[in-house]
Structure formats: structure tokens, C-alpha cells
Protein backbone atom coordinates (compact mmCIF):
# COMPACT_ATOMS: atom_id res chain seq x y z
CA UNK A 1 97.96 21.24 -59.25
CA UNK A 2 99.70 19.85 -62.32
CA UNK A 3 100.47 22.53 -64.89
CA UNK A 4 101.05 22.19 -68.62
CA UNK A 5 104.74 22.83 -67.98
CA UNK A 6 104.80 19.98 -65.44
CA UNK A 7 103.25 17.69 -68.03
CA UNK A 8 105.84 18.72 -70.63
CA UNK A 9 108.66 18.12 -68.14
CA UNK A 10 107.34 14.63 -67.37
CA UNK A 11 106.97 13.96 -71.09
CA UNK A 12 110.56 15.07 -71.75
CA UNK A 13 111.82 12.90 -68.87
CA UNK A 14 110.15 9.87 -70.44
CA UNK A 15 112.32 10.44 -73.55
CA UNK A 16 109.51 9.99 -76.09
CA UNK A 17 110.34 9.33 -79.71
CA UNK A 18 107.79 11.94 -80.80
CA UNK A 19 108.78 15.03 -78.78
CA UNK A 20 108.22 17.98 -81.10
CA UNK A 21 110.13 21.19 -81.69
CA UNK A 22 107.10 23.24 -80.61
CA UNK A 23 106.89 21.33 -77.32
CA UNK A 24 110.59 21.97 -76.67
CA UNK A 25 110.28 25.69 -77.41
CA UNK A 26 107.24 25.96 -75.12
CA UNK A 27 109.04 24.09 -72.32
CA UNK A 28 112.25 26.12 -72.57
CA UNK A 29 110.25 29.34 -72.63
CA UNK A 30 108.47 28.27 -69.45
CA UNK A 31 111.84 27.59 -67.79
CA UNK A 32 113.18 31.07 -68.57
CA UNK A 33 115.00 30.42 -71.84
CA UNK A 34 114.63 32.78 -74.79
CA UNK A 35 115.50 31.97 -78.38
CA UNK A 36 118.42 34.12 -79.49
CA UNK A 37 117.93 35.91 -82.79
CA UNK A 38 119.47 33.80 -85.55
CA UNK A 39 122.12 35.35 -87.76
CA UNK A 40 121.84 35.50 -91.52
CA UNK A 41 123.89 32.32 -92.01
CA UNK A 42 122.68 30.24 -89.07
CA UNK A 43 120.30 28.09 -91.14
CA UNK A 44 118.54 25.58 -88.91
CA UNK A 45 120.87 26.16 -85.94
CA UNK A 46 119.00 27.63 -82.95
CA UNK A 47 120.31 28.92 -79.65
CA UNK A 48 118.35 29.34 -76.44
CA UNK A 49 119.78 31.59 -73.74
CA UNK A 50 119.00 31.78 -70.02
CA UNK A 51 119.91 34.41 -67.42
CA UNK A 52 121.80 31.97 -65.18
CA UNK A 53 122.05 28.63 -67.02
CA UNK A 54 124.26 27.80 -70.00
CA UNK A 55 122.89 28.34 -73.49
CA UNK A 56 121.39 25.40 -75.35
CA UNK A 57 122.32 25.19 -79.03
CA UNK A 58 120.73 22.68 -81.39
CA UNK A 59 119.44 22.16 -84.90
CA UNK A 60 115.78 22.76 -85.61
CA UNK A 61 114.49 19.56 -87.21
CA UNK A 62 113.40 19.71 -90.82
CA UNK A 63 111.43 18.91 -92.85
CA UNK A 64 109.58 17.31 -89.91
CA UNK A 65 109.12 18.71 -86.41
CA UNK A 66 110.13 15.69 -84.30
CA UNK A 67 113.38 15.89 -82.33
CA UNK A 68 115.99 13.14 -82.50
CA UNK A 69 116.36 11.13 -79.30
CA UNK A 70 119.94 12.34 -78.75
CA UNK A 71 118.67 15.95 -78.78
CA UNK A 72 115.98 15.14 -76.20
CA UNK A 73 118.60 13.43 -74.01
CA UNK A 74 121.07 16.33 -74.33
CA UNK A 75 118.48 18.98 -73.43
CA UNK A 76 117.24 16.85 -70.53
CA UNK A 77 120.80 16.47 -69.21
CA UNK A 78 121.39 20.25 -69.23
CA UNK A 79 118.08 21.03 -67.54
CA UNK A 80 118.67 18.44 -64.81
CA UNK A 81 122.31 19.46 -64.28
CA UNK A 82 121.28 23.09 -63.87
CA UNK A 83 118.50 22.19 -61.44
CA UNK A 84 115.78 23.63 -63.68
CA UNK A 85 113.77 20.41 -63.62
């Protein structure tokens, strides 16, 4: 059975030019990451923490919601290296 998370993983692996912030948050949440509470001066910087994998820190895109390709590639590299996908 193919789950929504499986579909998101396959979509991320295809390195689409329209992968959204909401899709990334949903995927990371499904893989055990939690968004760390931002500090008062963090601005658009977001950090996702995991119990056993390294944290993922990136900028939330604005004003749009689409991630840059280099962000998609960096997140994909961490998830593959850690054996999460």
C-alpha cells in the first residue's frame, strides 16, 4: 500500500521545481522531525530536530511557498544519508 508519505518521498526524490514548504513540513513530521520553536530574532530561519538524526536548518521561503532547488537537494541528501528514506 502506497501512503501519502511514500508519495511525498517519491516527489522529493524527483527534485521538483514546485515542492512547497507545507509538503516539506508534512514529510519531515512523518519522518519523526519536529520544528523547534523559533527565537524572537530567528526571522524566516527554521530548524527541524530529530531524536537520532542531525537537525535540518533552512529558511522558510517568502513571500511564496515554493522551495529553492538547492534546499530540496540538501534536505534529500540528509534524509538519504541518515537512512530515513
